[in-house]
Amino acid sequence: MSNHGAKQIGILLFPDVEELDAIGPWEVLSSWTRNFPEDGWQVFCFSADGKPVTCAKGLVVGAHHSMADLPALDVLLHPGGQGTRPQLVDEQHLDWVRGQSRSVPLMTSVCTGSLVYAAAGLLTGRPATTHWASLDRLKELDPTIDVRADDRFVDDGDVITSAGVSAGIDMALHLVSRLASPERARQVRRGIQYDPQPPV
């Protein structure tokens, strides 16, 4: 992680985060930033205390930084998973999210990460999406949200939300396209051989 002067993308980790919510975008964004450093971006993971976290299905993932020592972010990615449920009523976490939204140019979420954004007041009057099973909860948290049930991701300028789990990969590729170019996103997509053809 030595691309000096690079813009920073931070992926938040927390207990019971859904694995693919974080690791899917990590695969896309790290493939981009490592293979094309000339684009001037860097991605890292961080947790509240900088220690590893145990994800929803038992995978243990390490963090590069804690919240206290992370570099200034240009993009924040907030994943979802069962670990977001306590965050919805955790005023300390919601205050942290609000603080980030005041300084981070682009706030993004995967799956139920958007519920946290809604609880923090970031999605008022805006279009957004989440995991299909949590669409009603998103509307309950803030009835002013224009819930986009059929969208894989919703780009509303300085906030991007995505649907559940694997949709974070699509959102991350969109990020590459937006922050670099569509051609770069195609190169990354080919590099990770992402060409969904479900068997059923």
N, C-alpha and C. Protein backbone atom coordinates (compact mmCIF):
# COMPACT_ATOMS: atom_id res chain seq x y z
N MET A 1 0.84 -1.19 0.00
CA MET A 1 0.00 0.00 0.00
C MET A 1 0.89 1.25 0.00
N SER A 2 1.57 1.46 -1.11
CA SER A 2 2.59 2.49 -1.15
C SER A 2 2.38 3.51 -2.27
N ASN A 3 1.16 3.60 -2.79
CA ASN A 3 0.87 4.55 -3.85
C ASN A 3 0.71 5.94 -3.23
N HIS A 4 1.85 6.62 -3.03
CA HIS A 4 1.88 7.89 -2.31
C HIS A 4 1.02 8.93 -3.01
N GLY A 5 0.19 9.61 -2.24
CA GLY A 5 -0.66 10.65 -2.79
C GLY A 5 -1.94 10.15 -3.43
N ALA A 6 -2.17 8.83 -3.35
CA ALA A 6 -3.36 8.26 -3.97
C ALA A 6 -4.61 8.65 -3.20
N LYS A 7 -5.71 8.69 -3.90
CA LYS A 7 -7.00 8.86 -3.25
C LYS A 7 -7.39 7.54 -2.56
N GLN A 8 -8.16 7.66 -1.49
CA GLN A 8 -8.37 6.53 -0.59
C GLN A 8 -9.81 6.02 -0.58
N ILE A 9 -9.94 4.71 -0.74
CA ILE A 9 -11.22 4.02 -0.59
C ILE A 9 -11.12 3.13 0.64
N GLY A 10 -12.01 3.32 1.61
CA GLY A 10 -11.99 2.52 2.82
C GLY A 10 -13.21 1.63 2.91
N ILE A 11 -12.98 0.34 3.17
CA ILE A 11 -14.06 -0.63 3.35
C ILE A 11 -14.17 -0.93 4.84
N LEU A 12 -15.31 -0.63 5.43
CA LEU A 12 -15.52 -0.85 6.85
C LEU A 12 -15.76 -2.33 7.14
N LEU A 13 -15.10 -2.84 8.17
CA LEU A 13 -15.33 -4.19 8.67
C LEU A 13 -15.90 -4.11 10.07
N PHE A 14 -16.78 -5.03 10.42
CA PHE A 14 -17.36 -5.07 11.76
C PHE A 14 -17.85 -6.48 12.04
N PRO A 15 -18.04 -6.85 13.29
CA PRO A 15 -18.50 -8.19 13.61
C PRO A 15 -19.81 -8.52 12.90
N ASP A 16 -19.87 -9.72 12.33
CA ASP A 16 -21.05 -10.21 11.60
C ASP A 16 -21.33 -9.45 10.31
N VAL A 17 -20.29 -8.82 9.75
CA VAL A 17 -20.43 -8.28 8.40
C VAL A 17 -20.60 -9.46 7.44
N GLU A 18 -21.44 -9.29 6.43
CA GLU A 18 -21.61 -10.34 5.42
C GLU A 18 -20.34 -10.41 4.58
N GLU A 19 -19.77 -11.60 4.47
CA GLU A 19 -18.46 -11.74 3.84
C GLU A 19 -18.38 -11.10 2.46
N LEU A 20 -19.28 -11.50 1.56
CA LEU A 20 -19.17 -11.04 0.17
C LEU A 20 -19.47 -9.55 0.03
N ASP A 21 -20.23 -8.98 0.98
CA ASP A 21 -20.49 -7.53 0.95
C ASP A 21 -19.19 -6.74 0.96
N ALA A 22 -18.22 -7.24 1.71
CA ALA A 22 -16.92 -6.57 1.82
C ALA A 22 -15.90 -7.13 0.84
N ILE A 23 -15.84 -8.46 0.75
CA ILE A 23 -14.80 -9.11 -0.05
C ILE A 23 -15.06 -8.99 -1.55
N GLY A 24 -16.32 -8.97 -1.96
CA GLY A 24 -16.62 -8.78 -3.39
C GLY A 24 -16.09 -7.45 -3.89
N PRO A 25 -16.49 -6.34 -3.26
CA PRO A 25 -15.92 -5.06 -3.67
C PRO A 25 -14.40 -4.98 -3.50
N TRP A 26 -13.87 -5.62 -2.44
CA TRP A 26 -12.41 -5.64 -2.26
C TRP A 26 -11.74 -6.26 -3.47
N GLU A 27 -12.27 -7.38 -3.96
CA GLU A 27 -11.68 -8.06 -5.12
C GLU A 27 -11.64 -7.13 -6.32
N VAL A 28 -12.76 -6.46 -6.58
CA VAL A 28 -12.84 -5.54 -7.71
C VAL A 28 -11.88 -4.37 -7.53
N LEU A 29 -11.98 -3.72 -6.39
CA LEU A 29 -11.24 -2.47 -6.19
C LEU A 29 -9.75 -2.70 -6.01
N SER A 30 -9.36 -3.79 -5.35
CA SER A 30 -7.93 -4.07 -5.21
C SER A 30 -7.33 -4.53 -6.53
N SER A 31 -8.11 -5.27 -7.33
CA SER A 31 -7.62 -5.64 -8.66
C SER A 31 -7.37 -4.40 -9.50
N TRP A 32 -8.26 -3.43 -9.39
CA TRP A 32 -8.10 -2.17 -10.11
C TRP A 32 -6.88 -1.40 -9.61
N THR A 33 -6.84 -1.14 -8.30
CA THR A 33 -5.81 -0.24 -7.79
C THR A 33 -4.41 -0.84 -7.85
N ARG A 34 -4.30 -2.14 -7.73
CA ARG A 34 -2.97 -2.78 -7.78
C ARG A 34 -2.47 -2.94 -9.21
N ASN A 35 -3.38 -3.22 -10.12
CA ASN A 35 -2.96 -3.42 -11.51
C ASN A 35 -2.85 -2.11 -12.30
N PHE A 36 -3.52 -1.08 -11.81
CA PHE A 36 -3.49 0.21 -12.52
C PHE A 36 -3.20 1.34 -11.53
N PRO A 37 -2.04 1.31 -10.89
CA PRO A 37 -1.71 2.34 -9.89
C PRO A 37 -1.68 3.75 -10.48
N GLU A 38 -1.47 3.82 -11.79
CA GLU A 38 -1.42 5.14 -12.44
C GLU A 38 -2.76 5.88 -12.36
N ASP A 39 -3.83 5.16 -12.04
CA ASP A 39 -5.13 5.82 -11.90
C ASP A 39 -5.21 6.62 -10.60
N GLY A 40 -4.29 6.34 -9.66
CA GLY A 40 -4.18 7.18 -8.48
C GLY A 40 -5.13 6.86 -7.34
N TRP A 41 -5.52 5.59 -7.22
CA TRP A 41 -6.43 5.18 -6.15
C TRP A 41 -5.83 4.05 -5.33
N GLN A 42 -6.30 3.94 -4.10
CA GLN A 42 -5.84 2.91 -3.18
C GLN A 42 -7.05 2.46 -2.35
N VAL A 43 -7.10 1.17 -2.01
CA VAL A 43 -8.20 0.66 -1.21
C VAL A 43 -7.65 -0.07 0.01
N PHE A 44 -8.33 0.04 1.13
CA PHE A 44 -7.93 -0.66 2.34
C PHE A 44 -9.18 -0.99 3.15
N CYS A 45 -8.99 -1.89 4.12
CA CYS A 45 -10.06 -2.24 5.05
C CYS A 45 -9.74 -1.69 6.43
N PHE A 46 -10.77 -1.35 7.17
CA PHE A 46 -10.56 -0.87 8.53
C PHE A 46 -11.69 -1.34 9.43
N SER A 47 -11.38 -1.46 10.71
CA SER A 47 -12.39 -1.83 11.71
C SER A 47 -12.33 -0.80 12.83
N ALA A 48 -13.27 -0.88 13.74
CA ALA A 48 -13.35 0.12 14.81
C ALA A 48 -12.03 0.23 15.57
N ASP A 49 -11.45 -0.93 15.93
CA ASP A 49 -10.23 -0.93 16.74
C ASP A 49 -9.00 -1.39 15.98
N GLY A 50 -9.15 -1.64 14.68
CA GLY A 50 -8.01 -2.08 13.87
C GLY A 50 -7.72 -3.57 13.97
N LYS A 51 -8.51 -4.28 14.75
CA LYS A 51 -8.30 -5.72 14.92
C LYS A 51 -9.13 -6.50 13.92
N PRO A 52 -8.78 -7.78 13.70
CA PRO A 52 -9.58 -8.61 12.79
C PRO A 52 -11.02 -8.74 13.28
N VAL A 53 -11.93 -9.00 12.35
CA VAL A 53 -13.33 -9.23 12.71
C VAL A 53 -13.76 -10.60 12.23
N THR A 54 -14.72 -11.18 12.94
CA THR A 54 -15.32 -12.43 12.52
C THR A 54 -16.61 -12.10 11.78
N CYS A 55 -16.66 -12.54 10.53
CA CYS A 55 -17.80 -12.19 9.67
C CYS A 55 -19.00 -13.09 9.96
N ALA A 56 -20.09 -12.85 9.23
CA ALA A 56 -21.37 -13.50 9.50
C ALA A 56 -21.31 -15.03 9.41
N LYS A 57 -20.48 -15.55 8.52
CA LYS A 57 -20.40 -16.99 8.33
C LYS A 57 -19.10 -17.59 8.86
N GLY A 58 -18.40 -16.81 9.70
CA GLY A 58 -17.24 -17.35 10.39
C GLY A 58 -15.88 -17.00 9.82
N LEU A 59 -15.82 -16.39 8.65
CA LEU A 59 -14.53 -15.98 8.10
C LEU A 59 -13.95 -14.85 8.95
N VAL A 60 -12.67 -14.96 9.27
CA VAL A 60 -11.99 -13.92 10.03
C VAL A 60 -11.17 -13.07 9.06
N VAL A 61 -11.39 -11.77 9.09
CA VAL A 61 -10.74 -10.86 8.14
C VAL A 61 -9.98 -9.79 8.90
N GLY A 62 -8.76 -9.53 8.46
CA GLY A 62 -7.93 -8.53 9.11
C GLY A 62 -8.20 -7.13 8.58
N ALA A 63 -7.84 -6.14 9.37
CA ALA A 63 -8.00 -4.74 8.98
C ALA A 63 -6.64 -4.08 8.83
N HIS A 64 -6.54 -3.13 7.91
CA HIS A 64 -5.31 -2.37 7.73
C HIS A 64 -5.21 -1.20 8.70
N HIS A 65 -6.37 -0.69 9.13
CA HIS A 65 -6.40 0.49 9.99
C HIS A 65 -7.53 0.37 11.00
N SER A 66 -7.47 1.22 12.02
CA SER A 66 -8.60 1.41 12.91
C SER A 66 -9.31 2.69 12.49
N MET A 67 -10.48 2.94 13.07
CA MET A 67 -11.17 4.20 12.78
C MET A 67 -10.34 5.40 13.22
N ALA A 68 -9.53 5.20 14.25
CA ALA A 68 -8.75 6.31 14.79
C ALA A 68 -7.57 6.70 13.91
N ASP A 69 -7.05 5.74 13.12
CA ASP A 69 -5.83 6.04 12.36
C ASP A 69 -5.99 5.91 10.85
N LEU A 70 -7.24 5.80 10.38
CA LEU A 70 -7.41 5.64 8.94
C LEU A 70 -7.11 6.95 8.22
N PRO A 71 -6.58 6.87 7.00
CA PRO A 71 -6.33 8.08 6.22
C PRO A 71 -7.66 8.77 5.88
N ALA A 72 -7.58 10.02 5.51
CA ALA A 72 -8.77 10.73 5.05
C ALA A 72 -9.35 10.02 3.83
N LEU A 73 -10.63 9.77 3.87
CA LEU A 73 -11.26 8.98 2.82
C LEU A 73 -11.81 9.84 1.69
N ASP A 74 -11.72 9.30 0.50
CA ASP A 74 -12.41 9.87 -0.65
C ASP A 74 -13.67 9.09 -0.96
N VAL A 75 -13.66 7.80 -0.59
CA VAL A 75 -14.84 6.94 -0.74
C VAL A 75 -14.93 6.05 0.50
N LEU A 76 -16.11 5.97 1.09
CA LEU A 76 -16.37 5.02 2.17
C LEU A 76 -17.33 3.97 1.67
N LEU A 77 -17.01 2.71 1.93
CA LEU A 77 -17.90 1.60 1.59
C LEU A 77 -18.35 0.93 2.87
N HIS A 78 -19.66 0.98 3.14
CA HIS A 78 -20.24 0.38 4.34
C HIS A 78 -20.99 -0.88 3.92
N PRO A 79 -20.46 -2.06 4.25
CA PRO A 79 -21.14 -3.31 3.91
C PRO A 79 -22.36 -3.53 4.80
N GLY A 80 -23.06 -4.64 4.55
CA GLY A 80 -24.20 -5.02 5.35
C GLY A 80 -23.97 -6.34 6.07
N GLY A 81 -25.07 -7.01 6.36
CA GLY A 81 -25.00 -8.26 7.12
C GLY A 81 -25.70 -8.12 8.46
N GLN A 82 -25.75 -9.22 9.20
CA GLN A 82 -26.43 -9.19 10.50
C GLN A 82 -25.81 -8.17 11.45
N GLY A 83 -24.54 -7.87 11.25
CA GLY A 83 -23.86 -6.91 12.11
C GLY A 83 -24.39 -5.50 11.99
N THR A 84 -25.19 -5.22 10.97
CA THR A 84 -25.76 -3.87 10.85
C THR A 84 -26.95 -3.69 11.79
N ARG A 85 -27.57 -4.79 12.25
CA ARG A 85 -28.77 -4.66 13.08
C ARG A 85 -28.51 -3.85 14.35
N PRO A 86 -27.47 -4.18 15.13
CA PRO A 86 -27.21 -3.35 16.30
C PRO A 86 -26.75 -1.94 15.94
N GLN A 87 -26.17 -1.75 14.76
CA GLN A 87 -25.71 -0.42 14.37
C GLN A 87 -26.88 0.55 14.18
N LEU A 88 -28.05 0.02 13.87
CA LEU A 88 -29.21 0.87 13.61
C LEU A 88 -29.65 1.65 14.85
N VAL A 89 -29.26 1.15 16.03
CA VAL A 89 -29.63 1.84 17.27
C VAL A 89 -28.39 2.23 18.07
N ASP A 90 -27.24 2.18 17.42
CA ASP A 90 -25.98 2.53 18.07
C ASP A 90 -25.66 3.99 17.72
N GLU A 91 -26.00 4.90 18.63
CA GLU A 91 -25.84 6.33 18.31
C GLU A 91 -24.39 6.71 18.05
N GLN A 92 -23.46 6.03 18.71
CA GLN A 92 -22.05 6.33 18.47
C GLN A 92 -21.68 6.01 17.03
N HIS A 93 -22.14 4.85 16.55
CA HIS A 93 -21.83 4.48 15.17
C HIS A 93 -22.56 5.41 14.18
N LEU A 94 -23.82 5.71 14.47
CA LEU A 94 -24.57 6.59 13.57
C LEU A 94 -23.95 7.98 13.52
N ASP A 95 -23.47 8.47 14.66
CA ASP A 95 -22.79 9.77 14.68
C ASP A 95 -21.51 9.72 13.86
N TRP A 96 -20.80 8.59 13.94
CA TRP A 96 -19.58 8.43 13.13
C TRP A 96 -19.92 8.47 11.64
N VAL A 97 -20.98 7.77 11.25
CA VAL A 97 -21.41 7.76 9.85
C VAL A 97 -21.77 9.17 9.40
N ARG A 98 -22.51 9.90 10.23
CA ARG A 98 -22.87 11.28 9.89
C ARG A 98 -21.62 12.14 9.72
N GLY A 99 -20.67 11.95 10.61
CA GLY A 99 -19.42 12.71 10.52
C GLY A 99 -18.67 12.40 9.24
N GLN A 100 -18.64 11.13 8.87
CA GLN A 100 -17.98 10.77 7.62
C GLN A 100 -18.68 11.42 6.43
N SER A 101 -20.00 11.46 6.47
CA SER A 101 -20.74 12.02 5.33
C SER A 101 -20.45 13.50 5.13
N ARG A 102 -20.03 14.17 6.19
CA ARG A 102 -19.71 15.59 6.07
C ARG A 102 -18.33 15.82 5.45
N SER A 103 -17.47 14.81 5.49
CA SER A 103 -16.10 15.00 4.98
C SER A 103 -15.73 14.09 3.81
N VAL A 104 -16.43 12.98 3.64
CA VAL A 104 -16.11 12.03 2.57
C VAL A 104 -16.94 12.36 1.33
N PRO A 105 -16.30 12.58 0.19
CA PRO A 105 -17.03 12.99 -1.01
C PRO A 105 -18.05 11.97 -1.51
N LEU A 106 -17.75 10.66 -1.32
CA LEU A 106 -18.63 9.63 -1.86
C LEU A 106 -18.87 8.54 -0.84
N MET A 107 -20.12 8.41 -0.40
CA MET A 107 -20.52 7.40 0.56
C MET A 107 -21.21 6.27 -0.20
N THR A 108 -20.74 5.03 -0.02
CA THR A 108 -21.34 3.89 -0.71
C THR A 108 -21.70 2.81 0.30
N SER A 109 -22.66 1.98 -0.08
CA SER A 109 -23.06 0.88 0.80
C SER A 109 -23.41 -0.34 -0.02
N VAL A 110 -23.31 -1.49 0.64
CA VAL A 110 -23.72 -2.75 0.04
C VAL A 110 -24.77 -3.37 0.96
N CYS A 111 -25.83 -3.91 0.35
CA CYS A 111 -26.82 -4.68 1.10
C CYS A 111 -27.43 -3.82 2.21
N THR A 112 -27.47 -4.33 3.44
CA THR A 112 -28.12 -3.60 4.53
C THR A 112 -27.25 -2.48 5.10
N GLY A 113 -26.11 -2.23 4.51
CA GLY A 113 -25.36 -1.04 4.86
C GLY A 113 -26.20 0.21 4.63
N SER A 114 -27.12 0.14 3.64
CA SER A 114 -27.98 1.30 3.37
C SER A 114 -28.98 1.53 4.51
N LEU A 115 -29.31 0.49 5.27
CA LEU A 115 -30.18 0.69 6.43
C LEU A 115 -29.50 1.59 7.45
N VAL A 116 -28.19 1.40 7.61
CA VAL A 116 -27.43 2.24 8.53
C VAL A 116 -27.42 3.68 8.03
N TYR A 117 -27.22 3.86 6.73
CA TYR A 117 -27.26 5.21 6.16
C TYR A 117 -28.63 5.84 6.38
N ALA A 118 -29.69 5.04 6.22
CA ALA A 118 -31.04 5.55 6.44
C ALA A 118 -31.24 5.96 7.90
N ALA A 119 -30.79 5.11 8.82
CA ALA A 119 -30.93 5.40 10.24
C ALA A 119 -30.15 6.65 10.63
N ALA A 120 -29.07 6.91 9.91
CA ALA A 120 -28.25 8.10 10.18
C ALA A 120 -28.78 9.35 9.50
N GLY A 121 -29.83 9.19 8.69
CA GLY A 121 -30.44 10.34 8.02
C GLY A 121 -29.81 10.71 6.70
N LEU A 122 -28.97 9.84 6.15
CA LEU A 122 -28.26 10.18 4.91
C LEU A 122 -29.11 10.02 3.66
N LEU A 123 -30.21 9.27 3.76
CA LEU A 123 -30.97 8.93 2.56
C LEU A 123 -32.31 9.67 2.46
N THR A 124 -32.53 10.64 3.32
CA THR A 124 -33.79 11.36 3.33
C THR A 124 -34.08 12.00 1.97
N GLY A 125 -35.24 11.63 1.40
CA GLY A 125 -35.65 12.19 0.12
C GLY A 125 -34.86 11.72 -1.07
N ARG A 126 -34.10 10.62 -0.90
CA ARG A 126 -33.21 10.17 -1.98
C ARG A 126 -33.61 8.78 -2.45
N PRO A 127 -33.23 8.42 -3.69
CA PRO A 127 -33.42 7.05 -4.14
C PRO A 127 -32.35 6.15 -3.54
N ALA A 128 -32.72 4.91 -3.23
CA ALA A 128 -31.77 3.97 -2.63
C ALA A 128 -32.31 2.55 -2.75
N THR A 129 -31.42 1.59 -2.51
CA THR A 129 -31.84 0.20 -2.51
C THR A 129 -31.09 -0.56 -1.42
N THR A 130 -31.45 -1.82 -1.26
CA THR A 130 -30.83 -2.69 -0.26
C THR A 130 -31.15 -4.13 -0.64
N HIS A 131 -30.80 -5.07 0.22
CA HIS A 131 -31.15 -6.47 0.00
C HIS A 131 -32.66 -6.60 -0.14
N TRP A 132 -33.10 -7.48 -1.02
CA TRP A 132 -34.54 -7.59 -1.31
C TRP A 132 -35.36 -7.87 -0.04
N ALA A 133 -34.79 -8.61 0.91
CA ALA A 133 -35.53 -8.95 2.12
C ALA A 133 -35.62 -7.79 3.11
N SER A 134 -34.90 -6.71 2.85
CA SER A 134 -34.89 -5.56 3.76
C SER A 134 -35.46 -4.30 3.14
N LEU A 135 -36.09 -4.42 1.97
CA LEU A 135 -36.65 -3.25 1.31
C LEU A 135 -37.72 -2.58 2.17
N ASP A 136 -38.58 -3.37 2.80
CA ASP A 136 -39.62 -2.79 3.66
C ASP A 136 -38.99 -2.09 4.86
N ARG A 137 -37.94 -2.69 5.41
CA ARG A 137 -37.27 -2.08 6.57
C ARG A 137 -36.64 -0.75 6.19
N LEU A 138 -36.10 -0.66 4.98
CA LEU A 138 -35.51 0.59 4.50
C LEU A 138 -36.58 1.68 4.48
N LYS A 139 -37.76 1.34 3.98
CA LYS A 139 -38.86 2.30 3.91
C LYS A 139 -39.36 2.68 5.30
N GLU A 140 -39.36 1.70 6.21
CA GLU A 140 -39.79 1.98 7.59
C GLU A 140 -38.84 2.97 8.28
N LEU A 141 -37.56 2.80 8.02
CA LEU A 141 -36.57 3.67 8.67
C LEU A 141 -36.72 5.12 8.23
N ASP A 142 -37.09 5.32 6.97
CA ASP A 142 -37.28 6.68 6.46
C ASP A 142 -38.27 6.63 5.30
N PRO A 143 -39.54 6.94 5.57
CA PRO A 143 -40.58 6.85 4.53
C PRO A 143 -40.35 7.78 3.34
N THR A 144 -39.43 8.76 3.47
CA THR A 144 -39.17 9.67 2.36
C THR A 144 -38.26 9.05 1.30
N ILE A 145 -37.64 7.91 1.62
CA ILE A 145 -36.71 7.28 0.66
C ILE A 145 -37.48 6.74 -0.54
N ASP A 146 -36.97 7.00 -1.72
CA ASP A 146 -37.50 6.42 -2.96
C ASP A 146 -36.83 5.06 -3.13
N VAL A 147 -37.49 4.02 -2.63
CA VAL A 147 -36.89 2.68 -2.61
C VAL A 147 -36.94 2.07 -4.01
N ARG A 148 -35.79 1.74 -4.53
CA ARG A 148 -35.67 1.16 -5.87
C ARG A 148 -35.49 -0.36 -5.76
N ALA A 149 -36.59 -1.06 -5.74
CA ALA A 149 -36.59 -2.50 -5.46
C ALA A 149 -35.91 -3.32 -6.54
N ASP A 150 -35.92 -2.84 -7.77
CA ASP A 150 -35.43 -3.65 -8.89
C ASP A 150 -34.02 -3.29 -9.35
N ASP A 151 -33.38 -2.34 -8.68
CA ASP A 151 -32.06 -1.88 -9.11
C ASP A 151 -30.95 -2.65 -8.40
N ARG A 152 -29.92 -3.02 -9.14
CA ARG A 152 -28.74 -3.65 -8.53
C ARG A 152 -27.97 -2.65 -7.69
N PHE A 153 -27.92 -1.41 -8.16
CA PHE A 153 -27.33 -0.32 -7.38
C PHE A 153 -27.98 0.98 -7.82
N VAL A 154 -27.90 1.98 -6.94
CA VAL A 154 -28.48 3.29 -7.22
C VAL A 154 -27.41 4.34 -6.97
N ASP A 155 -27.05 5.06 -8.02
CA ASP A 155 -26.06 6.14 -7.92
C ASP A 155 -26.81 7.46 -7.84
N ASP A 156 -26.73 8.10 -6.68
CA ASP A 156 -27.39 9.39 -6.48
C ASP A 156 -26.36 10.48 -6.20
N GLY A 157 -25.30 10.47 -6.97
CA GLY A 157 -24.29 11.52 -6.86
C GLY A 157 -23.27 11.24 -5.78
N ASP A 158 -23.48 11.77 -4.58
CA ASP A 158 -22.51 11.56 -3.51
C ASP A 158 -22.85 10.38 -2.62
N VAL A 159 -23.91 9.65 -2.97
CA VAL A 159 -24.28 8.43 -2.25
C VAL A 159 -24.64 7.35 -3.27
N ILE A 160 -24.03 6.18 -3.11
CA ILE A 160 -24.38 5.03 -3.95
C ILE A 160 -24.75 3.88 -3.03
N THR A 161 -25.93 3.30 -3.23
CA THR A 161 -26.34 2.12 -2.48
C THR A 161 -26.48 0.95 -3.44
N SER A 162 -26.25 -0.25 -2.94
CA SER A 162 -26.43 -1.42 -3.80
C SER A 162 -27.34 -2.42 -3.11
N ALA A 163 -27.87 -3.32 -3.91
CA ALA A 163 -28.70 -4.40 -3.39
C ALA A 163 -27.82 -5.42 -2.66
N GLY A 164 -28.34 -6.61 -2.45
CA GLY A 164 -27.69 -7.55 -1.55
C GLY A 164 -26.47 -8.27 -2.07
N VAL A 165 -25.53 -8.47 -1.18
CA VAL A 165 -24.41 -9.40 -1.26
C VAL A 165 -23.64 -9.27 -2.58
N SER A 166 -23.96 -10.10 -3.58
CA SER A 166 -23.18 -10.08 -4.83
C SER A 166 -23.37 -8.79 -5.61
N ALA A 167 -24.43 -8.04 -5.33
CA ALA A 167 -24.65 -6.77 -6.03
C ALA A 167 -23.53 -5.78 -5.73
N GLY A 168 -22.80 -5.98 -4.62
CA GLY A 168 -21.67 -5.12 -4.31
C GLY A 168 -20.57 -5.19 -5.36
N ILE A 169 -20.47 -6.33 -6.04
CA ILE A 169 -19.48 -6.47 -7.11
C ILE A 169 -19.86 -5.55 -8.27
N ASP A 170 -21.15 -5.54 -8.62
CA ASP A 170 -21.62 -4.67 -9.69
C ASP A 170 -21.40 -3.21 -9.32
N MET A 171 -21.73 -2.88 -8.08
CA MET A 171 -21.54 -1.50 -7.62
C MET A 171 -20.08 -1.09 -7.67
N ALA A 172 -19.18 -2.01 -7.27
CA ALA A 172 -17.75 -1.71 -7.28
C ALA A 172 -17.24 -1.51 -8.71
N LEU A 173 -17.73 -2.30 -9.64
CA LEU A 173 -17.34 -2.11 -11.04
C LEU A 173 -17.86 -0.77 -11.55
N HIS A 174 -19.05 -0.39 -11.11
CA HIS A 174 -19.57 0.93 -11.46
C HIS A 174 -18.67 2.03 -10.89
N LEU A 175 -18.18 1.81 -9.68
CA LEU A 175 -17.24 2.77 -9.08
C LEU A 175 -16.00 2.93 -9.94
N VAL A 176 -15.44 1.81 -10.41
CA VAL A 176 -14.26 1.88 -11.27
C VAL A 176 -14.58 2.68 -12.53
N SER A 177 -15.74 2.41 -13.11
CA SER A 177 -16.15 3.12 -14.31
C SER A 177 -16.29 4.61 -14.04
N ARG A 178 -16.88 4.94 -12.90
CA ARG A 178 -17.11 6.35 -12.56
C ARG A 178 -15.82 7.07 -12.19
N LEU A 179 -14.96 6.41 -11.41
CA LEU A 179 -13.75 7.06 -10.91
C LEU A 179 -12.59 7.00 -11.90
N ALA A 180 -12.63 6.04 -12.81
CA ALA A 180 -11.57 5.93 -13.83
C ALA A 180 -12.20 6.06 -15.22
N SER A 181 -12.74 4.94 -15.74
CA SER A 181 -13.39 4.97 -17.05
C SER A 181 -14.13 3.65 -17.27
N PRO A 182 -15.12 3.66 -18.16
CA PRO A 182 -15.78 2.40 -18.51
C PRO A 182 -14.81 1.35 -19.04
N GLU A 183 -13.83 1.78 -19.81
CA GLU A 183 -12.85 0.83 -20.34
C GLU A 183 -12.06 0.18 -19.22
N ARG A 184 -11.69 0.97 -18.21
CA ARG A 184 -10.97 0.41 -17.07
C ARG A 184 -11.84 -0.61 -16.34
N ALA A 185 -13.10 -0.30 -16.18
CA ALA A 185 -14.01 -1.24 -15.53
C ALA A 185 -14.12 -2.54 -16.32
N ARG A 186 -14.12 -2.42 -17.64
CA ARG A 186 -14.15 -3.64 -18.46
C ARG A 186 -12.88 -4.45 -18.29
N GLN A 187 -11.74 -3.78 -18.18
CA GLN A 187 -10.47 -4.48 -17.97
C GLN A 187 -10.48 -5.22 -16.63
N VAL A 188 -10.98 -4.55 -15.60
CA VAL A 188 -11.04 -5.18 -14.28
C VAL A 188 -12.01 -6.36 -14.30
N ARG A 189 -13.14 -6.16 -14.91
CA ARG A 189 -14.15 -7.22 -15.00
C ARG A 189 -13.59 -8.45 -15.71
N ARG A 190 -12.85 -8.23 -16.78
CA ARG A 190 -12.24 -9.35 -17.49
C ARG A 190 -11.16 -10.00 -16.64
N GLY A 191 -10.39 -9.18 -15.93
CA GLY A 191 -9.30 -9.70 -15.11
C GLY A 191 -9.79 -10.63 -14.01
N ILE A 192 -10.94 -10.29 -13.41
CA ILE A 192 -11.47 -11.16 -12.35
C ILE A 192 -12.45 -12.19 -12.91
N GLN A 193 -12.59 -12.21 -14.22
CA GLN A 193 -13.48 -13.13 -14.94
C GLN A 193 -14.88 -13.13 -14.34
N TYR A 194 -15.44 -11.94 -14.22
CA TYR A 194 -16.78 -11.78 -13.69
C TYR A 194 -17.74 -11.69 -14.86
N ASP A 195 -18.44 -12.78 -15.11
CA ASP A 195 -19.38 -12.88 -16.23
C ASP A 195 -20.49 -13.82 -15.81
N PRO A 196 -21.39 -13.35 -14.93
CA PRO A 196 -22.37 -14.25 -14.31
C PRO A 196 -23.22 -15.01 -15.32
N GLN A 197 -23.20 -16.33 -15.18
CA GLN A 197 -24.07 -17.21 -15.96
C GLN A 197 -24.60 -18.26 -15.00
N PRO A 198 -25.59 -17.90 -14.19
CA PRO A 198 -26.08 -18.83 -13.16
C PRO A 198 -26.51 -20.16 -13.73
N PRO A 199 -26.21 -21.24 -13.03
CA PRO A 199 -26.56 -22.56 -13.52
C PRO A 199 -28.04 -22.91 -13.37
N VAL A 200 -28.77 -22.09 -12.61
CA VAL A 200 -30.21 -22.37 -12.41
C VAL A 200 -31.02 -21.11 -12.65
